[in-house]
Amino acid sequence: MLWVPLAGFVIWAGYLIGTEHRLHLFQFLPFLFLAACPLMHIFMHKHHSGHKDKIDKD
């Protein structure tokens, strides 16, 4: 049941950051898009063999 106060704190902190520091968040938004590209590439290509050639064994 520790998650209930923790979730409340995260919601409260997010509200305060969103209302008091909105300009700073909008200035940081382009950097989040740039950081999302390599992170998505790393985490979304995790479960397949990548760029290796597959050799059929008959």
PDB file of N, CA and C in Angstrom:
ATOM      1  N   MET A   1       0.815  -1.205   0.000  1.00  0.00           N
ATOM      2  CA  MET A   1       0.000   0.000   0.000  1.00  0.00           C
ATOM      3  C   MET A   1       0.852   1.260   0.000  1.00  0.00           C
ATOM      4  N   LEU A   2       2.157   1.086  -0.166  1.00  0.00           N
ATOM      5  CA  LEU A   2       3.047   2.238  -0.224  1.00  0.00           C
ATOM      6  C   LEU A   2       2.831   3.036  -1.506  1.00  0.00           C
ATOM      7  N   TRP A   3       2.273   2.390  -2.524  1.00  0.00           N
ATOM      8  CA  TRP A   3       2.133   3.067  -3.802  1.00  0.00           C
ATOM      9  C   TRP A   3       1.088   4.173  -3.768  1.00  0.00           C
ATOM     10  N   VAL A   4       0.134   4.133  -2.857  1.00  0.00           N
ATOM     11  CA  VAL A   4      -0.927   5.147  -2.818  1.00  0.00           C
ATOM     12  C   VAL A   4      -0.364   6.527  -2.451  1.00  0.00           C
ATOM     13  N   PRO A   5       0.389   6.668  -1.346  1.00  0.00           N
ATOM     14  CA  PRO A   5       0.957   7.992  -1.072  1.00  0.00           C
ATOM     15  C   PRO A   5       2.020   8.391  -2.091  1.00  0.00           C
ATOM     16  N   LEU A   6       2.742   7.403  -2.616  1.00  0.00           N
ATOM     17  CA  LEU A   6       3.745   7.713  -3.628  1.00  0.00           C
ATOM     18  C   LEU A   6       3.082   8.237  -4.899  1.00  0.00           C
ATOM     19  N   ALA A   7       1.979   7.623  -5.310  1.00  0.00           N
ATOM     20  CA  ALA A   7       1.244   8.098  -6.482  1.00  0.00           C
ATOM     21  C   ALA A   7       0.677   9.496  -6.237  1.00  0.00           C
ATOM     22  N   GLY A   8       0.168   9.739  -5.036  1.00  0.00           N
ATOM     23  CA  GLY A   8      -0.339  11.066  -4.698  1.00  0.00           C
ATOM     24  C   GLY A   8       0.755  12.118  -4.761  1.00  0.00           C
ATOM     25  N   PHE A   9       1.944  11.769  -4.268  1.00  0.00           N
ATOM     26  CA  PHE A   9       3.067  12.705  -4.317  1.00  0.00           C
ATOM     27  C   PHE A   9       3.480  12.994  -5.749  1.00  0.00           C
ATOM     28  N   VAL A  10       3.519  11.961  -6.593  1.00  0.00           N
ATOM     29  CA  VAL A  10       3.910  12.150  -7.994  1.00  0.00           C
ATOM     30  C   VAL A  10       2.891  13.025  -8.718  1.00  0.00           C
ATOM     31  N   ILE A  11       1.614  12.817  -8.446  1.00  0.00           N
ATOM     32  CA  ILE A  11       0.568  13.643  -9.065  1.00  0.00           C
ATOM     33  C   ILE A  11       0.687  15.088  -8.596  1.00  0.00           C
ATOM     34  N   TRP A  12       0.896  15.281  -7.298  1.00  0.00           N
ATOM     35  CA  TRP A  12       1.035  16.630  -6.741  1.00  0.00           C
ATOM     36  C   TRP A  12       2.273  17.326  -7.301  1.00  0.00           C
ATOM     37  N   ALA A  13       3.408  16.609  -7.354  1.00  0.00           N
ATOM     38  CA  ALA A  13       4.637  17.200  -7.881  1.00  0.00           C
ATOM     39  C   ALA A  13       4.490  17.514  -9.369  1.00  0.00           C
ATOM     40  N   GLY A  14       3.835  16.627 -10.114  1.00  0.00           N
ATOM     41  CA  GLY A  14       3.610  16.888 -11.530  1.00  0.00           C
ATOM     42  C   GLY A  14       2.734  18.105 -11.761  1.00  0.00           C
ATOM     43  N   TYR A  15       1.734  18.272 -10.920  1.00  0.00           N
ATOM     44  CA  TYR A  15       0.873  19.453 -11.031  1.00  0.00           C
ATOM     45  C   TYR A  15       1.666  20.735 -10.764  1.00  0.00           C
ATOM     46  N   LEU A  16       2.484  20.718  -9.711  1.00  0.00           N
ATOM     47  CA  LEU A  16       3.263  21.909  -9.393  1.00  0.00           C
ATOM     48  C   LEU A  16       4.284  22.226 -10.471  1.00  0.00           C
ATOM     49  N   ILE A  17       4.940  21.219 -10.971  1.00  0.00           N
ATOM     50  CA  ILE A  17       5.917  21.451 -12.042  1.00  0.00           C
ATOM     51  C   ILE A  17       5.206  21.952 -13.295  1.00  0.00           C
ATOM     52  N   GLY A  18       4.053  21.374 -13.590  1.00  0.00           N
ATOM     53  CA  GLY A  18       3.314  21.786 -14.784  1.00  0.00           C
ATOM     54  C   GLY A  18       2.793  23.198 -14.711  1.00  0.00           C
ATOM     55  N   THR A  19       2.388  23.655 -13.517  1.00  0.00           N
ATOM     56  CA  THR A  19       1.830  25.003 -13.416  1.00  0.00           C
ATOM     57  C   THR A  19       2.901  26.059 -13.184  1.00  0.00           C
ATOM     58  N   GLU A  20       3.900  25.749 -12.390  1.00  0.00           N
ATOM     59  CA  GLU A  20       4.893  26.762 -12.047  1.00  0.00           C
ATOM     60  C   GLU A  20       6.047  26.844 -13.047  1.00  0.00           C
ATOM     61  N   HIS A  21       6.347  25.757 -13.717  1.00  0.00           N
ATOM     62  CA  HIS A  21       7.517  25.730 -14.595  1.00  0.00           C
ATOM     63  C   HIS A  21       7.135  25.344 -16.018  1.00  0.00           C
ATOM     64  N   ARG A  22       5.989  25.786 -16.467  1.00  0.00           N
ATOM     65  CA  ARG A  22       5.496  25.437 -17.796  1.00  0.00           C
ATOM     66  C   ARG A  22       6.432  25.939 -18.890  1.00  0.00           C
ATOM     67  N   LEU A  23       6.968  27.124 -18.748  1.00  0.00           N
ATOM     68  CA  LEU A  23       7.861  27.672 -19.765  1.00  0.00           C
ATOM     69  C   LEU A  23       9.119  26.819 -19.885  1.00  0.00           C
ATOM     70  N   HIS A  24       9.656  26.375 -18.754  1.00  0.00           N
ATOM     71  CA  HIS A  24      10.849  25.540 -18.788  1.00  0.00           C
ATOM     72  C   HIS A  24      10.554  24.192 -19.437  1.00  0.00           C
ATOM     73  N   LEU A  25       9.376  23.652 -19.203  1.00  0.00           N
ATOM     74  CA  LEU A  25       9.010  22.381 -19.817  1.00  0.00           C
ATOM     75  C   LEU A  25       8.887  22.520 -21.326  1.00  0.00           C
ATOM     76  N   PHE A  26       8.312  23.620 -21.805  1.00  0.00           N
ATOM     77  CA  PHE A  26       8.177  23.820 -23.242  1.00  0.00           C
ATOM     78  C   PHE A  26       9.534  24.045 -23.907  1.00  0.00           C
ATOM     79  N   GLN A  27      10.466  24.660 -23.192  1.00  0.00           N
ATOM     80  CA  GLN A  27      11.802  24.845 -23.745  1.00  0.00           C
ATOM     81  C   GLN A  27      12.561  23.528 -23.836  1.00  0.00           C
ATOM     82  N   PHE A  28      12.267  22.590 -22.957  1.00  0.00           N
ATOM     83  CA  PHE A  28      12.960  21.309 -22.920  1.00  0.00           C
ATOM     84  C   PHE A  28      12.337  20.278 -23.858  1.00  0.00           C
ATOM     85  N   LEU A  29      11.140  20.542 -24.366  1.00  0.00           N
ATOM     86  CA  LEU A  29      10.408  19.580 -25.182  1.00  0.00           C
ATOM     87  C   LEU A  29      11.153  19.119 -26.435  1.00  0.00           C
ATOM     88  N   PRO A  30      11.809  20.004 -27.211  1.00  0.00           N
ATOM     89  CA  PRO A  30      12.554  19.505 -28.389  1.00  0.00           C
ATOM     90  C   PRO A  30      13.663  18.531 -28.017  1.00  0.00           C
ATOM     91  N   PHE A  31      14.303  18.719 -26.871  1.00  0.00           N
ATOM     92  CA  PHE A  31      15.355  17.801 -26.449  1.00  0.00           C
ATOM     93  C   PHE A  31      14.783  16.443 -26.068  1.00  0.00           C
ATOM     94  N   LEU A  32      13.551  16.411 -25.580  1.00  0.00           N
ATOM     95  CA  LEU A  32      12.908  15.134 -25.278  1.00  0.00           C
ATOM     96  C   LEU A  32      12.646  14.347 -26.561  1.00  0.00           C
ATOM     97  N   PHE A  33      12.255  15.033 -27.626  1.00  0.00           N
ATOM     98  CA  PHE A  33      12.054  14.346 -28.903  1.00  0.00           C
ATOM     99  C   PHE A  33      13.377  13.798 -29.436  1.00  0.00           C
ATOM    100  N   LEU A  34      14.439  14.571 -29.303  1.00  0.00           N
ATOM    101  CA  LEU A  34      15.745  14.098 -29.762  1.00  0.00           C
ATOM    102  C   LEU A  34      16.237  12.917 -28.932  1.00  0.00           C
ATOM    103  N   ALA A  35      15.971  12.926 -27.640  1.00  0.00           N
ATOM    104  CA  ALA A  35      16.392  11.826 -26.779  1.00  0.00           C
ATOM    105  C   ALA A  35      15.520  10.601 -26.991  1.00  0.00           C
ATOM    106  N   ALA A  36      14.290  10.784 -27.423  1.00  0.00           N
ATOM    107  CA  ALA A  36      13.383   9.656 -27.617  1.00  0.00           C
ATOM    108  C   ALA A  36      13.813   8.779 -28.781  1.00  0.00           C
ATOM    109  N   CYS A  37      14.429   9.341 -29.795  1.00  0.00           N
ATOM    110  CA  CYS A  37      14.810   8.555 -30.974  1.00  0.00           C
ATOM    111  C   CYS A  37      15.809   7.445 -30.638  1.00  0.00           C
ATOM    112  N   PRO A  38      16.958   7.754 -30.023  1.00  0.00           N
ATOM    113  CA  PRO A  38      17.872   6.650 -29.710  1.00  0.00           C
ATOM    114  C   PRO A  38      17.328   5.713 -28.634  1.00  0.00           C
ATOM    115  N   LEU A  39      16.552   6.237 -27.703  1.00  0.00           N
ATOM    116  CA  LEU A  39      15.990   5.362 -26.671  1.00  0.00           C
ATOM    117  C   LEU A  39      14.993   4.378 -27.271  1.00  0.00           C
ATOM    118  N   MET A  40      14.151   4.839 -28.184  1.00  0.00           N
ATOM    119  CA  MET A  40      13.212   3.929 -28.834  1.00  0.00           C
ATOM    120  C   MET A  40      13.961   2.899 -29.670  1.00  0.00           C
ATOM    121  N   HIS A  41      15.039   3.311 -30.337  1.00  0.00           N
ATOM    122  CA  HIS A  41      15.808   2.375 -31.140  1.00  0.00           C
ATOM    123  C   HIS A  41      16.421   1.291 -30.253  1.00  0.00           C
ATOM    124  N   ILE A  42      16.951   1.671 -29.115  1.00  0.00           N
ATOM    125  CA  ILE A  42      17.572   0.700 -28.212  1.00  0.00           C
ATOM    126  C   ILE A  42      16.537  -0.258 -27.646  1.00  0.00           C
ATOM    127  N   PHE A  43      15.437   0.254 -27.138  1.00  0.00           N
ATOM    128  CA  PHE A  43      14.489  -0.599 -26.443  1.00  0.00           C
ATOM    129  C   PHE A  43      13.539  -1.348 -27.374  1.00  0.00           C
ATOM    130  N   MET A  44      13.293  -0.831 -28.572  1.00  0.00           N
ATOM    131  CA  MET A  44      12.364  -1.508 -29.458  1.00  0.00           C
ATOM    132  C   MET A  44      13.048  -2.589 -30.290  1.00  0.00           C
ATOM    133  N   HIS A  45      14.374  -2.518 -30.448  1.00  0.00           N
ATOM    134  CA  HIS A  45      15.107  -3.540 -31.186  1.00  0.00           C
ATOM    135  C   HIS A  45      15.732  -4.562 -30.252  1.00  0.00           C
ATOM    136  N   LYS A  46      15.226  -4.649 -29.069  1.00  0.00           N
ATOM    137  CA  LYS A  46      15.806  -5.498 -28.040  1.00  0.00           C
ATOM    138  C   LYS A  46      15.534  -6.974 -28.276  1.00  0.00           C
ATOM    139  N   HIS A  47      14.368  -7.323 -28.792  1.00  0.00           N
ATOM    140  CA  HIS A  47      13.939  -8.706 -28.806  1.00  0.00           C
ATOM    141  C   HIS A  47      14.077  -9.409 -30.145  1.00  0.00           C
ATOM    142  N   HIS A  48      14.671  -8.783 -31.131  1.00  0.00           N
ATOM    143  CA  HIS A  48      14.881  -9.523 -32.365  1.00  0.00           C
ATOM    144  C   HIS A  48      16.370  -9.586 -32.651  1.00  0.00           C
ATOM    145  N   SER A  49      16.746 -10.313 -33.654  1.00  0.00           N
ATOM    146  CA  SER A  49      18.163 -10.618 -33.874  1.00  0.00           C
ATOM    147  C   SER A  49      18.947  -9.440 -34.437  1.00  0.00           C
ATOM    148  N   GLY A  50      18.308  -8.340 -34.665  1.00  0.00           N
ATOM    149  CA  GLY A  50      19.024  -7.153 -35.126  1.00  0.00           C
ATOM    150  C   GLY A  50      19.321  -7.215 -36.604  1.00  0.00           C
ATOM    151  N   HIS A  51      20.556  -6.893 -36.975  1.00  0.00           N
ATOM    152  CA  HIS A  51      20.937  -6.805 -38.374  1.00  0.00           C
ATOM    153  C   HIS A  51      21.768  -7.998 -38.805  1.00  0.00           C
ATOM    154  N   LYS A  52      21.730  -9.081 -38.088  1.00  0.00           N
ATOM    155  CA  LYS A  52      22.491 -10.279 -38.440  1.00  0.00           C
ATOM    156  C   LYS A  52      21.785 -11.007 -39.583  1.00  0.00           C
ATOM    157  N   ASP A  53      22.587 -11.590 -40.461  1.00  0.00           N
ATOM    158  CA  ASP A  53      22.030 -12.401 -41.534  1.00  0.00           C
ATOM    159  C   ASP A  53      21.698 -13.772 -40.987  1.00  0.00           C
ATOM    160  N   LYS A  54      20.539 -14.273 -41.358  1.00  0.00           N
ATOM    161  CA  LYS A  54      20.124 -15.600 -40.911  1.00  0.00           C
ATOM    162  C   LYS A  54      20.535 -16.630 -41.957  1.00  0.00           C
ATOM    163  N   ILE A  55      21.124 -17.696 -41.497  1.00  0.00           N
ATOM    164  CA  ILE A  55      21.560 -18.767 -42.380  1.00  0.00           C
ATOM    165  C   ILE A  55      20.586 -19.928 -42.219  1.00  0.00           C
ATOM    166  N   ASP A  56      20.009 -20.363 -43.337  1.00  0.00           N
ATOM    167  CA  ASP A  56      19.083 -21.490 -43.310  1.00  0.00           C
ATOM    168  C   ASP A  56      19.876 -22.781 -43.247  1.00  0.00           C
ATOM    169  N   LYS A  57      19.550 -23.598 -42.273  1.00  0.00           N
ATOM    170  CA  LYS A  57      20.198 -24.902 -42.168  1.00  0.00           C
ATOM    171  C   LYS A  57      19.240 -25.962 -42.693  1.00  0.00           C
ATOM    172  N   ASP A  58      19.610 -26.584 -43.800  1.00  0.00           N
ATOM    173  CA  ASP A  58      18.769 -27.624 -44.394  1.00  0.00           C
ATOM    174  C   ASP A  58      19.264 -28.991 -44.037  1.00  0.00           C
TER     175      ASP A  58
END
